N, C-alpha and C. Protein backbone atom coordinates (compact mmCIF):
# COMPACT_ATOMS: atom_id res chain seq x y z
N MET A 1 52.33 55.20 145.64
CA MET A 1 51.45 53.98 146.34
C MET A 1 50.24 54.80 147.08
N LYS A 2 50.60 55.89 147.86
CA LYS A 2 49.36 56.52 148.53
C LYS A 2 48.30 56.87 147.56
N ARG A 3 48.69 57.20 146.37
CA ARG A 3 47.61 57.85 145.45
C ARG A 3 46.66 56.51 145.08
N VAL A 4 47.07 55.48 144.86
CA VAL A 4 46.25 54.24 144.48
C VAL A 4 45.62 54.09 145.71
N SER A 5 45.95 53.82 146.86
CA SER A 5 45.20 53.56 148.04
C SER A 5 43.94 54.75 148.22
N GLU A 6 44.30 55.86 148.03
CA GLU A 6 43.41 56.99 148.30
C GLU A 6 42.41 56.91 147.07
N ARG A 7 42.59 56.68 145.99
CA ARG A 7 41.62 56.47 144.72
C ARG A 7 40.69 55.34 145.34
N ILE A 8 41.20 54.05 145.57
CA ILE A 8 40.44 53.03 145.84
C ILE A 8 39.54 53.31 146.93
N GLU A 9 40.07 54.03 147.91
CA GLU A 9 39.06 54.37 149.23
C GLU A 9 37.99 55.35 148.68
N THR A 10 38.23 56.16 147.86
CA THR A 10 37.37 57.21 147.38
C THR A 10 36.30 56.63 146.64
N LEU A 11 36.60 55.63 145.71
CA LEU A 11 35.48 54.72 145.03
C LEU A 11 34.96 53.80 145.79
N ARG A 12 35.52 53.26 146.74
CA ARG A 12 34.79 52.27 147.74
C ARG A 12 34.51 50.85 147.15
N LEU A 13 34.63 50.83 145.87
CA LEU A 13 34.21 49.46 145.16
C LEU A 13 35.18 49.09 144.19
N VAL A 14 35.84 47.88 144.22
CA VAL A 14 36.70 47.42 143.14
C VAL A 14 35.99 46.24 142.32
N PRO A 15 35.82 46.52 141.12
CA PRO A 15 35.17 45.20 140.21
C PRO A 15 36.27 44.30 140.13
N VAL A 16 35.90 43.02 140.46
CA VAL A 16 36.71 41.92 140.26
C VAL A 16 36.28 41.24 139.11
N ILE A 17 37.38 41.02 138.01
CA ILE A 17 36.91 40.90 136.57
C ILE A 17 37.72 39.70 136.15
N LYS A 18 37.00 38.63 135.39
CA LYS A 18 37.35 37.50 134.75
C LYS A 18 37.24 37.90 133.39
N LEU A 19 38.21 37.97 132.64
CA LEU A 19 38.15 38.15 131.09
C LEU A 19 38.77 37.01 130.35
N ASN A 20 37.97 36.52 129.39
CA ASN A 20 38.50 35.33 128.67
C ASN A 20 38.97 35.89 127.43
N ASP A 21 38.64 37.03 126.99
CA ASP A 21 39.02 37.63 125.72
C ASP A 21 39.61 39.16 125.93
N ALA A 22 40.91 39.08 125.59
CA ALA A 22 41.67 40.36 125.79
C ALA A 22 40.92 41.53 125.15
N ASN A 23 40.25 41.13 123.88
CA ASN A 23 39.69 42.28 123.11
C ASN A 23 38.44 42.68 123.78
N LYS A 24 38.04 42.18 124.91
CA LYS A 24 36.86 42.76 125.62
C LYS A 24 37.31 43.88 126.83
N ALA A 25 38.63 43.78 126.82
CA ALA A 25 39.05 44.55 128.03
C ALA A 25 38.69 46.12 127.98
N VAL A 26 39.13 46.74 126.79
CA VAL A 26 38.79 48.07 126.50
C VAL A 26 37.26 48.40 126.71
N PRO A 27 36.46 47.77 125.96
CA PRO A 27 34.96 48.06 126.06
C PRO A 27 34.52 47.90 127.45
N LEU A 28 35.09 47.02 128.22
CA LEU A 28 34.67 46.76 129.46
C LEU A 28 35.11 47.97 130.28
N ALA A 29 36.53 48.32 130.03
CA ALA A 29 36.97 49.60 130.87
C ALA A 29 36.16 50.75 130.61
N ARG A 30 35.66 51.10 129.33
CA ARG A 30 34.87 52.25 129.13
C ARG A 30 33.61 52.04 129.81
N ALA A 31 33.06 50.88 129.81
CA ALA A 31 31.72 50.65 130.71
C ALA A 31 31.81 50.97 132.07
N LEU A 32 33.04 50.64 132.61
CA LEU A 32 33.28 51.12 133.98
C LEU A 32 33.17 52.57 134.37
N ALA A 33 34.15 53.07 133.26
CA ALA A 33 34.14 54.55 133.44
C ALA A 33 32.91 55.25 133.29
N ALA A 34 31.97 54.84 132.35
CA ALA A 34 30.66 55.25 131.98
C ALA A 34 29.80 55.27 133.27
N GLY A 35 30.11 54.04 133.98
CA GLY A 35 29.12 53.90 135.15
C GLY A 35 29.87 54.66 136.46
N ASN A 36 30.92 55.51 136.19
CA ASN A 36 31.57 56.26 137.17
C ASN A 36 32.28 55.38 138.26
N LEU A 37 32.91 54.27 137.73
CA LEU A 37 33.70 53.51 138.66
C LEU A 37 34.94 53.10 137.91
N PRO A 38 35.88 54.12 137.65
CA PRO A 38 36.97 53.85 136.97
C PRO A 38 38.16 53.10 137.54
N VAL A 39 37.98 51.73 137.98
CA VAL A 39 38.98 50.97 138.72
C VAL A 39 38.46 49.45 138.15
N ALA A 40 39.58 48.69 137.89
CA ALA A 40 39.31 47.28 137.85
C ALA A 40 40.48 46.53 138.31
N GLU A 41 39.84 45.25 138.97
CA GLU A 41 40.91 44.35 139.36
C GLU A 41 40.98 43.18 138.25
N VAL A 42 41.75 42.97 137.31
CA VAL A 42 41.83 42.04 136.42
C VAL A 42 42.53 40.59 136.90
N THR A 43 41.61 39.64 137.08
CA THR A 43 42.32 38.51 137.78
C THR A 43 43.16 37.56 136.98
N PHE A 44 44.17 37.15 137.38
CA PHE A 44 44.99 36.16 136.50
C PHE A 44 44.39 34.81 136.64
N ARG A 45 43.19 34.58 136.26
CA ARG A 45 42.55 33.28 136.14
C ARG A 45 42.36 32.77 134.86
N THR A 46 42.92 33.63 133.72
CA THR A 46 42.78 33.38 132.39
C THR A 46 44.11 33.68 131.77
N ASP A 47 44.33 32.98 130.58
CA ASP A 47 45.45 33.48 129.73
C ASP A 47 45.29 34.95 129.12
N ALA A 48 44.10 35.44 129.21
CA ALA A 48 44.01 36.79 128.62
C ALA A 48 44.27 37.89 129.65
N ALA A 49 44.46 37.55 130.86
CA ALA A 49 44.86 38.72 131.83
C ALA A 49 45.92 39.51 131.54
N GLU A 50 47.00 39.28 131.17
CA GLU A 50 48.21 40.10 130.94
C GLU A 50 47.69 40.93 129.73
N GLN A 51 47.39 40.48 128.50
CA GLN A 51 47.19 41.30 127.55
C GLN A 51 45.92 42.37 127.88
N ALA A 52 45.00 41.90 128.60
CA ALA A 52 43.89 42.59 128.92
C ALA A 52 44.34 43.86 129.72
N ILE A 53 45.13 43.54 130.59
CA ILE A 53 45.72 44.80 131.44
C ILE A 53 46.61 45.78 130.59
N ARG A 54 47.27 45.06 129.57
CA ARG A 54 48.04 45.92 128.78
C ARG A 54 47.21 46.80 127.89
N ASN A 55 45.97 46.12 127.44
CA ASN A 55 45.06 47.06 126.54
C ASN A 55 44.53 48.06 127.21
N ILE A 56 44.13 47.80 128.52
CA ILE A 56 43.51 48.83 129.22
C ILE A 56 44.40 49.87 129.70
N SER A 57 45.71 49.51 130.06
CA SER A 57 46.55 50.47 130.38
C SER A 57 46.78 51.39 129.08
N ARG A 58 46.96 50.97 128.21
CA ARG A 58 47.37 51.64 126.85
C ARG A 58 46.15 52.71 126.51
N ASP A 59 44.87 52.07 126.35
CA ASP A 59 43.74 52.71 125.68
C ASP A 59 42.92 53.51 126.87
N CYS A 60 43.05 53.19 127.99
CA CYS A 60 42.21 53.76 129.09
C CYS A 60 43.10 54.25 130.17
N PRO A 61 44.07 55.07 130.12
CA PRO A 61 45.04 55.33 131.12
C PRO A 61 44.33 56.05 132.33
N GLU A 62 43.21 56.62 132.11
CA GLU A 62 42.58 57.16 133.34
C GLU A 62 41.93 56.14 134.32
N LEU A 63 41.87 54.91 133.73
CA LEU A 63 41.37 53.79 134.65
C LEU A 63 42.47 53.28 135.48
N LEU A 64 42.02 53.09 136.79
CA LEU A 64 43.00 52.48 137.70
C LEU A 64 43.04 50.95 137.55
N VAL A 65 44.09 50.29 137.18
CA VAL A 65 43.83 48.81 136.76
C VAL A 65 44.86 48.10 137.59
N GLY A 66 44.28 47.17 138.30
CA GLY A 66 45.12 46.11 139.02
C GLY A 66 45.10 44.67 138.56
N ALA A 67 45.89 43.94 139.02
CA ALA A 67 46.06 42.58 138.68
C ALA A 67 45.76 41.70 139.87
N GLY A 68 44.60 40.93 139.67
CA GLY A 68 44.22 40.09 140.95
C GLY A 68 44.48 38.65 140.95
N THR A 69 44.55 37.77 141.78
CA THR A 69 44.92 36.47 142.04
C THR A 69 46.40 36.27 141.43
N ILE A 70 47.05 37.14 141.88
CA ILE A 70 48.65 36.98 141.84
C ILE A 70 49.11 35.98 142.78
N THR A 71 49.74 34.90 142.45
CA THR A 71 50.29 34.02 143.31
C THR A 71 51.92 33.84 143.21
N THR A 72 52.44 34.20 142.09
CA THR A 72 53.94 34.07 142.02
C THR A 72 54.54 35.51 141.57
N VAL A 73 55.95 35.47 141.77
CA VAL A 73 56.69 36.82 141.62
C VAL A 73 56.61 36.89 139.81
N GLU A 74 56.60 35.60 139.21
CA GLU A 74 56.46 35.75 137.60
C GLU A 74 55.33 36.32 137.37
N GLN A 75 54.06 36.21 137.80
CA GLN A 75 52.93 36.89 137.45
C GLN A 75 52.89 38.24 137.89
N ALA A 76 53.55 38.63 138.95
CA ALA A 76 53.54 39.77 139.35
C ALA A 76 54.43 40.77 138.39
N LYS A 77 55.54 40.07 137.94
CA LYS A 77 56.44 40.78 136.92
C LYS A 77 55.65 41.17 135.58
N ALA A 78 54.84 40.02 135.30
CA ALA A 78 54.06 40.18 133.99
C ALA A 78 52.89 41.19 134.03
N ALA A 79 52.39 41.41 135.16
CA ALA A 79 51.31 42.16 135.27
C ALA A 79 51.80 43.77 135.28
N LEU A 80 52.87 43.88 136.13
CA LEU A 80 53.44 45.20 136.28
C LEU A 80 53.92 45.64 134.82
N GLY A 81 54.54 44.68 134.02
CA GLY A 81 55.03 44.82 132.61
C GLY A 81 53.99 45.41 131.67
N ALA A 82 52.83 44.71 132.04
CA ALA A 82 51.63 45.16 131.20
C ALA A 82 50.95 46.52 131.56
N GLY A 83 51.41 47.15 132.80
CA GLY A 83 50.86 48.35 133.19
C GLY A 83 50.07 48.21 134.39
N ALA A 84 49.83 47.18 135.20
CA ALA A 84 49.14 47.21 136.49
C ALA A 84 49.57 48.20 137.24
N ASP A 85 48.55 48.98 137.95
CA ASP A 85 48.83 49.87 138.95
C ASP A 85 49.05 49.38 140.29
N PHE A 86 48.51 48.19 140.57
CA PHE A 86 48.58 47.47 141.78
C PHE A 86 48.27 45.97 141.90
N ILE A 87 48.67 45.23 142.75
CA ILE A 87 48.62 44.03 142.87
C ILE A 87 47.78 43.45 143.91
N VAL A 88 47.04 42.44 143.68
CA VAL A 88 46.08 41.71 144.59
C VAL A 88 46.47 40.29 144.76
N THR A 89 46.59 39.72 145.95
CA THR A 89 47.06 38.42 145.99
C THR A 89 45.90 37.69 146.85
N PRO A 90 45.55 36.26 146.66
CA PRO A 90 44.58 35.55 147.27
C PRO A 90 44.93 35.06 148.62
N GLY A 91 46.46 35.22 148.95
CA GLY A 91 46.92 34.70 150.07
C GLY A 91 48.29 35.62 150.45
N VAL A 92 49.03 34.95 151.31
CA VAL A 92 50.08 35.69 151.70
C VAL A 92 51.39 35.21 151.18
N SER A 93 52.21 35.88 150.30
CA SER A 93 53.37 35.24 149.70
C SER A 93 54.58 36.38 150.09
N GLY A 94 55.46 35.99 151.00
CA GLY A 94 56.44 36.92 151.19
C GLY A 94 57.39 37.33 149.90
N LYS A 95 57.57 36.56 149.05
CA LYS A 95 58.28 36.70 147.75
C LYS A 95 57.68 37.75 146.93
N VAL A 96 56.29 37.62 146.91
CA VAL A 96 55.38 38.40 145.96
C VAL A 96 55.47 39.84 146.81
N ILE A 97 55.23 39.91 148.11
CA ILE A 97 55.28 41.17 148.70
C ILE A 97 56.45 41.86 148.63
N ASP A 98 57.58 41.10 148.82
CA ASP A 98 58.94 41.78 148.80
C ASP A 98 59.19 42.26 147.26
N PHE A 99 58.78 41.71 146.40
CA PHE A 99 58.88 42.02 144.98
C PHE A 99 58.15 43.36 144.65
N CYS A 100 57.05 43.21 145.00
CA CYS A 100 56.13 44.55 144.83
C CYS A 100 56.69 45.71 145.49
N GLN A 101 57.10 45.51 146.85
CA GLN A 101 57.67 46.70 147.51
C GLN A 101 58.87 47.23 147.09
N LYS A 102 59.74 46.31 146.47
CA LYS A 102 60.97 46.81 145.85
C LYS A 102 60.54 47.58 144.47
N GLN A 103 59.48 47.11 143.89
CA GLN A 103 59.00 48.01 142.78
C GLN A 103 58.29 49.39 142.97
N GLY A 104 57.87 49.41 144.35
CA GLY A 104 57.22 50.69 144.75
C GLY A 104 55.62 50.35 144.31
N VAL A 105 55.19 49.17 144.23
CA VAL A 105 53.89 48.98 143.79
C VAL A 105 52.99 48.68 144.90
N PRO A 106 51.80 49.23 145.04
CA PRO A 106 50.93 48.70 146.22
C PRO A 106 50.45 47.22 145.95
N ILE A 107 50.62 46.67 147.08
CA ILE A 107 50.04 45.12 147.06
C ILE A 107 49.00 45.05 148.17
N TYR A 108 48.01 44.22 147.87
CA TYR A 108 46.97 43.95 148.79
C TYR A 108 46.86 42.41 149.09
N ALA A 109 47.43 41.96 150.04
CA ALA A 109 47.65 40.62 150.27
C ALA A 109 46.34 39.91 150.85
N GLY A 110 46.04 38.94 150.45
CA GLY A 110 44.75 38.15 150.86
C GLY A 110 45.09 37.53 152.28
N ILE A 111 44.22 37.82 153.33
CA ILE A 111 44.45 37.14 154.59
C ILE A 111 43.02 36.68 155.14
N CYS A 112 43.04 36.03 156.21
CA CYS A 112 41.67 35.67 156.77
C CYS A 112 41.97 35.01 158.18
N THR A 113 43.23 34.95 158.60
CA THR A 113 43.52 34.64 160.10
C THR A 113 44.47 35.67 160.76
N PRO A 114 44.43 35.65 162.07
CA PRO A 114 45.32 36.44 162.85
C PRO A 114 46.74 36.21 162.43
N SER A 115 47.16 34.98 162.34
CA SER A 115 48.51 34.69 161.82
C SER A 115 49.22 35.24 160.51
N GLU A 116 48.15 35.37 159.60
CA GLU A 116 48.26 36.03 158.35
C GLU A 116 48.42 37.54 158.51
N ILE A 117 47.74 38.00 159.15
CA ILE A 117 47.89 39.48 159.53
C ILE A 117 49.16 39.83 160.21
N MET A 118 49.52 38.97 161.11
CA MET A 118 50.88 39.05 161.63
C MET A 118 51.95 39.05 160.65
N GLN A 119 51.83 38.36 159.54
CA GLN A 119 52.88 37.93 158.51
C GLN A 119 52.96 39.35 157.75
N VAL A 120 51.74 39.90 157.52
CA VAL A 120 51.78 41.06 156.44
C VAL A 120 52.13 42.36 157.26
N LEU A 121 52.09 42.42 158.70
CA LEU A 121 52.57 43.37 159.47
C LEU A 121 53.97 43.56 159.56
N GLU A 122 54.76 42.38 159.37
CA GLU A 122 56.11 42.25 159.35
C GLU A 122 56.72 42.97 158.10
N TYR A 123 55.88 43.02 157.01
CA TYR A 123 56.08 43.80 155.79
C TYR A 123 55.82 45.13 155.79
N GLY A 124 55.09 45.64 156.82
CA GLY A 124 54.64 47.03 156.92
C GLY A 124 53.43 47.16 156.21
N LEU A 125 52.67 46.10 155.88
CA LEU A 125 51.34 46.32 155.27
C LEU A 125 50.37 46.47 156.23
N HIS A 126 49.33 47.60 155.96
CA HIS A 126 48.28 47.83 156.87
C HIS A 126 46.96 47.77 156.15
N GLU A 127 47.04 47.57 154.83
CA GLU A 127 45.56 47.62 154.18
C GLU A 127 45.73 46.02 153.48
N VAL A 128 44.77 45.35 153.79
CA VAL A 128 44.70 43.92 153.37
C VAL A 128 43.42 43.57 152.77
N LYS A 129 43.37 42.33 151.81
CA LYS A 129 42.31 41.89 151.04
C LYS A 129 41.78 40.89 152.20
N PHE A 130 40.53 40.67 152.51
CA PHE A 130 40.11 39.79 153.43
C PHE A 130 39.27 38.71 152.33
N PHE A 131 39.92 37.61 152.42
CA PHE A 131 39.30 36.71 151.16
C PHE A 131 39.39 35.20 151.86
N PRO A 132 38.44 34.44 151.41
CA PRO A 132 37.09 34.76 150.91
C PRO A 132 36.19 35.18 152.04
N ALA A 133 35.74 36.41 151.97
CA ALA A 133 35.00 37.06 153.02
C ALA A 133 33.78 36.30 153.53
N GLY A 134 32.99 35.82 152.45
CA GLY A 134 31.87 35.20 152.83
C GLY A 134 31.88 33.90 153.54
N GLN A 135 32.90 33.04 153.19
CA GLN A 135 33.20 31.81 153.72
C GLN A 135 34.08 31.96 155.01
N TYR A 136 34.60 33.04 155.45
CA TYR A 136 35.21 33.18 156.50
C TYR A 136 34.60 34.21 157.67
N GLY A 137 33.45 34.04 157.55
CA GLY A 137 32.51 34.81 158.73
C GLY A 137 32.13 36.37 158.44
N GLY A 138 32.54 36.75 157.12
CA GLY A 138 32.22 38.16 156.70
C GLY A 138 32.59 39.06 157.76
N LEU A 139 31.57 40.10 157.84
CA LEU A 139 31.88 41.42 158.83
C LEU A 139 32.04 40.97 160.14
N ASN A 140 31.53 39.88 160.70
CA ASN A 140 31.76 39.48 162.18
C ASN A 140 33.19 39.22 162.34
N THR A 141 33.71 38.60 161.42
CA THR A 141 35.31 38.14 161.57
C THR A 141 36.10 39.44 161.45
N ILE A 142 35.84 40.34 160.40
CA ILE A 142 36.58 41.53 160.39
C ILE A 142 36.56 42.23 161.57
N LYS A 143 35.35 42.52 162.28
CA LYS A 143 35.31 43.24 163.50
C LYS A 143 36.16 42.46 164.47
N ALA A 144 35.98 41.06 164.55
CA ALA A 144 36.79 40.45 165.58
C ALA A 144 38.35 40.70 165.30
N LEU A 145 38.63 40.56 164.15
CA LEU A 145 40.24 40.77 163.76
C LEU A 145 40.71 42.20 164.10
N SER A 146 39.52 43.07 163.95
CA SER A 146 40.02 44.59 164.31
C SER A 146 40.49 44.87 165.73
N ALA A 147 40.03 44.14 166.57
CA ALA A 147 40.21 44.31 168.11
C ALA A 147 41.63 44.24 168.38
N PRO A 148 42.24 42.94 167.90
CA PRO A 148 43.85 42.94 168.42
C PRO A 148 44.76 43.72 167.40
N PHE A 149 44.09 44.05 166.21
CA PHE A 149 44.82 44.70 165.07
C PHE A 149 44.17 46.10 164.71
N PRO A 150 44.32 46.99 165.49
CA PRO A 150 43.51 48.30 165.14
C PRO A 150 43.97 49.02 164.03
N ASN A 151 45.22 48.79 163.67
CA ASN A 151 45.83 49.43 162.69
C ASN A 151 45.62 48.96 161.22
N ILE A 152 44.87 47.61 161.19
CA ILE A 152 44.79 47.12 159.91
C ILE A 152 43.47 47.45 159.27
N ARG A 153 43.43 47.92 157.91
CA ARG A 153 42.10 48.07 157.34
C ARG A 153 41.78 47.00 156.20
N PHE A 154 40.66 46.76 155.91
CA PHE A 154 40.32 45.71 155.19
C PHE A 154 39.52 45.96 153.62
N MET A 155 39.95 44.98 152.75
CA MET A 155 39.04 45.10 151.64
C MET A 155 38.34 43.79 151.48
N PRO A 156 37.17 43.46 151.98
CA PRO A 156 36.58 42.30 151.78
C PRO A 156 36.16 41.88 150.51
N THR A 157 36.63 40.54 149.93
CA THR A 157 36.16 40.19 148.62
C THR A 157 35.83 38.80 148.70
N GLY A 158 34.93 38.42 147.88
CA GLY A 158 34.50 36.81 147.90
C GLY A 158 33.28 36.85 148.71
N GLY A 159 32.10 36.71 148.05
CA GLY A 159 30.72 36.81 148.65
C GLY A 159 30.17 38.25 148.96
N VAL A 160 30.94 39.21 148.49
CA VAL A 160 30.35 40.58 148.48
C VAL A 160 29.21 40.69 147.48
N SER A 161 28.30 41.32 147.66
CA SER A 161 27.08 41.39 146.86
C SER A 161 26.24 42.71 147.11
N GLU A 162 25.32 42.80 146.10
CA GLU A 162 24.48 43.92 146.34
C GLU A 162 23.80 44.14 147.60
N GLN A 163 23.56 42.97 148.20
CA GLN A 163 22.79 42.80 149.25
C GLN A 163 23.51 43.06 150.69
N ASN A 164 24.94 43.01 150.67
CA ASN A 164 25.67 43.09 151.98
C ASN A 164 26.91 44.13 151.77
N VAL A 165 26.99 44.71 150.66
CA VAL A 165 28.05 45.62 150.57
C VAL A 165 27.82 46.91 151.20
N VAL A 166 26.84 47.39 151.60
CA VAL A 166 26.61 48.58 152.22
C VAL A 166 26.88 48.24 153.83
N GLU A 167 26.56 47.17 154.20
CA GLU A 167 26.91 46.75 155.48
C GLU A 167 28.34 46.60 155.73
N TYR A 168 29.06 46.06 154.78
CA TYR A 168 30.53 46.01 154.84
C TYR A 168 30.99 47.42 155.06
N LEU A 169 30.62 48.23 154.16
CA LEU A 169 31.35 49.64 154.04
C LEU A 169 30.77 50.47 155.24
N SER A 170 30.08 50.11 156.10
CA SER A 170 29.56 50.88 157.10
C SER A 170 30.61 50.72 158.31
N PHE A 171 31.29 49.67 158.14
CA PHE A 171 32.40 49.46 159.33
C PHE A 171 33.60 50.36 159.05
N PRO A 172 34.12 51.01 159.87
CA PRO A 172 35.20 52.08 159.54
C PRO A 172 36.54 51.35 158.97
N LYS A 173 36.70 50.20 159.61
CA LYS A 173 37.93 49.55 159.17
C LYS A 173 37.86 48.84 157.95
N VAL A 174 36.86 49.06 157.06
CA VAL A 174 36.69 48.39 155.65
C VAL A 174 36.88 49.75 154.74
N PHE A 175 38.03 49.79 153.87
CA PHE A 175 38.30 50.91 153.27
C PHE A 175 37.52 50.86 151.81
N ALA A 176 37.45 49.44 151.45
CA ALA A 176 36.64 49.31 150.03
C ALA A 176 36.21 47.81 150.18
N CYS A 177 35.56 47.42 148.90
CA CYS A 177 35.15 46.11 148.71
C CYS A 177 35.42 45.77 147.44
N GLY A 178 35.59 44.44 147.22
CA GLY A 178 35.93 43.85 145.92
C GLY A 178 34.68 43.06 145.59
N GLY A 179 34.10 43.16 144.54
CA GLY A 179 32.98 42.44 144.11
C GLY A 179 32.96 42.28 142.48
N SER A 180 32.09 41.26 142.17
CA SER A 180 31.95 40.92 140.77
C SER A 180 30.61 40.93 140.23
N TRP A 181 29.55 41.21 141.05
CA TRP A 181 28.20 41.29 140.64
C TRP A 181 27.89 42.09 139.57
N MET A 182 28.70 43.33 139.55
CA MET A 182 28.40 44.22 138.59
C MET A 182 29.06 44.11 137.21
N VAL A 183 29.93 43.07 137.14
CA VAL A 183 30.76 42.60 136.01
C VAL A 183 30.62 41.19 135.73
N PRO A 184 29.33 40.60 135.49
CA PRO A 184 29.22 39.33 135.24
C PRO A 184 29.71 38.83 134.08
N GLU A 185 30.54 37.65 134.20
CA GLU A 185 31.30 37.12 133.16
C GLU A 185 30.57 36.76 131.85
N ARG A 186 29.20 36.45 131.91
CA ARG A 186 28.29 36.11 130.76
C ARG A 186 28.11 37.34 130.00
N SER A 187 28.18 38.43 130.83
CA SER A 187 27.76 39.89 130.10
C SER A 187 29.00 40.26 129.30
N ILE A 188 30.19 39.93 129.81
CA ILE A 188 31.43 40.48 129.14
C ILE A 188 31.65 39.46 128.01
N ASP A 189 31.42 38.29 128.17
CA ASP A 189 31.74 37.28 127.15
C ASP A 189 30.67 37.62 125.89
N ALA A 190 29.40 38.20 126.32
CA ALA A 190 28.35 38.28 125.23
C ALA A 190 28.76 39.62 124.54
N GLY A 191 29.44 40.49 125.26
CA GLY A 191 29.63 41.90 124.84
C GLY A 191 28.54 42.89 125.10
N ASN A 192 27.97 42.44 126.14
CA ASN A 192 26.73 43.22 126.48
C ASN A 192 27.35 44.47 127.61
N PHE A 193 27.89 45.28 126.99
CA PHE A 193 28.68 46.35 127.89
C PHE A 193 27.55 47.41 128.44
N SER A 194 26.68 47.61 127.58
CA SER A 194 25.47 48.59 128.15
C SER A 194 24.74 47.97 129.52
N ASP A 195 24.50 46.58 129.49
CA ASP A 195 24.19 46.10 130.82
C ASP A 195 25.16 46.39 131.86
N ILE A 196 26.45 46.17 131.51
CA ILE A 196 27.46 46.50 132.65
C ILE A 196 27.35 47.76 133.21
N VAL A 197 27.15 48.93 132.23
CA VAL A 197 27.02 50.28 132.58
C VAL A 197 25.87 50.40 133.61
N THR A 198 24.73 49.76 133.13
CA THR A 198 23.61 49.83 134.10
C THR A 198 23.82 49.33 135.63
N LEU A 199 24.55 48.16 135.44
CA LEU A 199 24.81 47.49 136.76
C LEU A 199 25.75 48.51 137.69
N VAL A 200 26.79 48.78 136.94
CA VAL A 200 27.87 49.68 137.61
C VAL A 200 27.32 50.95 138.20
N THR A 201 26.53 51.48 137.35
CA THR A 201 25.87 52.79 137.77
C THR A 201 24.91 52.49 139.09
N ARG A 202 24.22 51.24 138.92
CA ARG A 202 23.53 51.10 140.36
C ARG A 202 24.21 50.81 141.38
N ALA A 203 25.47 50.18 141.32
CA ALA A 203 26.30 49.76 142.18
C ALA A 203 26.85 50.99 142.91
N VAL A 204 27.39 52.07 142.00
CA VAL A 204 27.92 53.19 142.58
C VAL A 204 26.91 54.05 143.26
N ARG A 205 25.55 53.96 142.84
CA ARG A 205 24.52 54.76 143.44
C ARG A 205 24.30 54.19 144.97
N LEU A 206 24.30 52.81 144.88
CA LEU A 206 24.02 52.19 146.28
C LEU A 206 24.85 52.62 147.23
N ILE A 207 26.23 52.53 146.87
CA ILE A 207 27.30 52.75 147.85
C ILE A 207 27.38 54.32 148.34
N ARG A 208 27.17 54.98 147.26
CA ARG A 208 27.25 56.51 147.62
C ARG A 208 26.04 57.02 148.52
N ASP A 209 24.84 56.46 148.28
CA ASP A 209 23.75 56.78 149.10
C ASP A 209 23.78 56.06 150.45
N ALA A 210 24.77 55.31 150.90
CA ALA A 210 24.76 54.50 152.05
C ALA A 210 25.05 55.45 153.19
């Protein structure tokens, strides 16, 4: 569990990916690796997600692959069965958290309020997804939440972009950001993986120079 969090913190950026075709998963994973960002959060927003994770886990084992938008234990089971290394949820589900902890798999639960932070603290979680970041006050809200909860670290997702990612990462309580601007759905669908390599390379350079 610690290894996953350490890798995510080192990379500082988690591409949030929507895949409509599982056959695009491996070329996409290789594009991420070529851009020096060997991590992916494949969202369970399409029917292709489970197979996409399975393909990446099988053919690109060096890539850290997580499952996002997990809302049920059944989805979590499917994701882990496909080879997911970590789970990300859009909100707080005690059942999903409990399941992942029993499996020894890292889970980043989505929060945006003090009450939700108190819920995840009851499960011993100290690293959370702040979602949707842009709609819930962004960095100002994270700073406000950090005052009463100094042991919580955040991964803001939703509204994170090339324009604000450096600002987010400049705050010590932000250990990484989730974003999709470097993995646009239209480029994936069109198979324009060279464009994705370019975007990912630029994103990595941006956060490393910050």
